[in-house]
Amino acid sequence: MLTTTHAQSLALKAKLFRGFSDPSRLSILEALRDDARSVGELVEATGLSQSNVSNHLACLLDCGLVEREPQGRRAIYRLADARVGALLGLADELLEEVARGVYVCPRYEGPSSPSAPVQISSVRSAGP
């Protein structure tokens, strides 16, 4: 039986990973992995609408995954912690070994599942 503290820790960790599981938020985090960017630059890098990027940035800010630095009339966003980028890098490394299994897994079907096989090298290089 799980202790309350352990169960709460697992629930919090699951909530963190749900934040990473949204394709729009993940796209923004991937774009910020290489460099700090403005909303406009994130729109260009991700292909998302300005309002979508702004809404997801608000979520990522609230969660402490990104930080914002005002610069005149615009704001620059960056990953709040280098470990966020490291976690994304570890996911890339893991996917190099298990991508086929993840791709064919019938338990993870849903709207964000790719419609065609994806090579992990193309996932990482999708940004600018």
Protein backbone atom coordinates (compact mmCIF):
# COMPACT_ATOMS: atom_id res chain seq x y z
CA MET A 1 0.00 0.00 0.00
CA LEU A 2 1.28 3.46 -0.87
CA THR A 3 1.79 5.96 1.88
CA THR A 4 -0.01 9.27 1.53
CA THR A 5 3.28 11.13 1.01
CA HIS A 6 4.42 8.65 -1.64
CA ALA A 7 1.05 8.79 -3.40
CA GLN A 8 1.13 12.59 -3.34
CA SER A 9 4.65 12.55 -4.77
CA LEU A 10 3.54 10.22 -7.59
CA ALA A 11 0.52 12.40 -8.33
CA LEU A 12 2.71 15.51 -8.51
CA LYS A 13 5.19 13.75 -10.81
CA ALA A 14 2.32 12.59 -13.04
CA LYS A 15 1.06 16.17 -13.18
CA LEU A 16 4.52 17.36 -14.26
CA PHE A 17 4.62 14.79 -17.05
CA ARG A 18 1.08 15.72 -18.18
CA GLY A 19 2.47 19.23 -18.70
CA PHE A 20 5.17 17.81 -20.95
CA SER A 21 2.68 15.59 -22.77
CA ASP A 22 0.79 18.41 -24.46
CA PRO A 23 2.22 18.72 -27.99
CA SER A 24 1.95 22.54 -28.01
CA ARG A 25 3.73 22.96 -24.67
CA LEU A 26 6.34 20.40 -25.68
CA SER A 27 6.91 22.28 -28.95
CA ILE A 28 7.47 25.51 -27.01
CA LEU A 29 9.85 23.84 -24.56
CA GLU A 30 11.80 22.29 -27.45
CA ALA A 31 12.05 25.71 -29.13
CA LEU A 32 13.39 27.20 -25.89
CA ARG A 33 15.95 24.43 -25.49
CA ASP A 34 18.36 26.12 -27.88
CA ASP A 35 17.80 29.78 -27.08
CA ALA A 36 15.61 32.32 -25.30
CA ARG A 37 12.86 33.66 -27.56
CA SER A 38 10.04 36.19 -27.74
CA VAL A 39 6.42 35.15 -28.31
CA GLY A 40 6.75 36.10 -31.99
CA GLU A 41 9.86 33.98 -32.36
CA LEU A 42 8.09 31.08 -30.64
CA VAL A 43 5.13 31.46 -33.01
CA GLU A 44 7.53 31.24 -35.95
CA ALA A 45 9.51 28.32 -34.49
CA THR A 46 6.48 26.23 -33.50
CA GLY A 47 3.88 27.13 -36.11
CA LEU A 48 1.36 27.74 -33.34
CA SER A 49 -0.87 30.80 -33.21
CA GLN A 50 0.14 33.76 -31.06
CA SER A 51 -2.78 33.22 -28.67
CA ASN A 52 -1.96 29.51 -28.37
CA VAL A 53 1.69 30.25 -27.59
CA SER A 54 0.71 32.91 -25.05
CA ASN A 55 -1.76 30.60 -23.30
CA HIS A 56 0.73 27.76 -23.07
CA LEU A 57 3.50 30.10 -21.91
CA ALA A 58 1.22 31.23 -19.07
CA CYS A 59 0.83 27.60 -18.03
CA LEU A 60 4.56 26.93 -18.30
CA LEU A 61 5.29 30.09 -16.28
CA ASP A 62 2.81 29.09 -13.57
CA CYS A 63 4.45 25.66 -13.36
CA GLY A 64 7.93 27.17 -13.08
CA LEU A 65 9.22 25.52 -16.25
CA VAL A 66 9.94 28.78 -18.08
CA GLU A 67 10.79 32.28 -16.97
CA ARG A 68 10.11 35.64 -18.58
CA GLU A 69 12.38 38.66 -18.84
CA PRO A 70 10.81 41.94 -19.94
CA GLN A 71 12.80 43.73 -22.64
CA GLY A 72 11.14 46.97 -23.58
CA ARG A 73 7.76 46.31 -25.20
CA ARG A 74 8.29 42.55 -25.45
CA ALA A 75 9.25 39.70 -23.18
CA ILE A 76 11.87 37.05 -23.67
CA TYR A 77 11.19 33.52 -22.47
CA ARG A 78 13.73 30.88 -21.52
CA LEU A 79 13.77 27.57 -19.74
CA ALA A 80 13.71 28.25 -16.01
CA ASP A 81 16.07 25.40 -15.24
CA ALA A 82 18.70 23.65 -17.35
CA ARG A 83 17.30 20.34 -16.11
CA VAL A 84 14.19 20.91 -18.26
CA GLY A 85 16.40 20.85 -21.35
CA ALA A 86 18.32 17.89 -19.93
CA LEU A 87 15.06 15.99 -19.40
CA LEU A 88 14.06 16.67 -23.02
CA GLY A 89 17.49 15.44 -24.12
CA LEU A 90 17.13 12.27 -22.06
CA ALA A 91 13.74 11.70 -23.70
CA ASP A 92 15.44 11.97 -27.11
CA GLU A 93 18.06 9.43 -26.05
CA LEU A 94 15.47 7.03 -24.67
CA LEU A 95 13.32 7.35 -27.77
CA GLU A 96 16.28 6.40 -29.95
CA GLU A 97 16.03 2.97 -28.32
CA VAL A 98 12.28 2.56 -27.71
CA ALA A 99 10.60 4.70 -30.39
CA ARG A 100 9.23 1.70 -32.29
CA GLY A 101 7.60 0.28 -29.16
CA VAL A 102 6.14 3.66 -28.20
CA TYR A 103 4.88 4.19 -31.74
CA VAL A 104 3.05 0.85 -31.95
CA CYS A 105 1.79 0.84 -28.35
CA PRO A 106 -2.03 0.56 -28.56
CA ARG A 107 -2.45 1.92 -25.04
CA TYR A 108 -1.26 5.41 -25.97
CA GLU A 109 -3.47 6.00 -28.98
CA GLY A 110 -5.01 9.44 -29.13
CA PRO A 111 -5.14 12.75 -30.93
CA SER A 112 -1.44 13.41 -30.46
CA SER A 113 -0.33 10.04 -31.88
CA PRO A 114 1.60 10.42 -35.13
CA SER A 115 -0.13 9.21 -38.27
CA ALA A 116 3.12 8.04 -39.84
CA PRO A 117 6.35 6.65 -38.40
CA VAL A 118 8.61 9.36 -37.04
CA GLN A 119 12.38 9.19 -36.84
CA ILE A 120 13.71 10.65 -33.61
CA SER A 121 16.33 12.69 -35.50
CA SER A 122 13.51 14.50 -37.32
CA VAL A 123 11.73 15.22 -34.04
CA ARG A 124 14.65 17.10 -32.55
CA SER A 125 15.53 18.97 -35.71
CA ALA A 126 11.98 20.18 -36.34
CA GLY A 127 12.76 23.61 -34.83
CA PRO A 128 14.90 26.33 -36.37
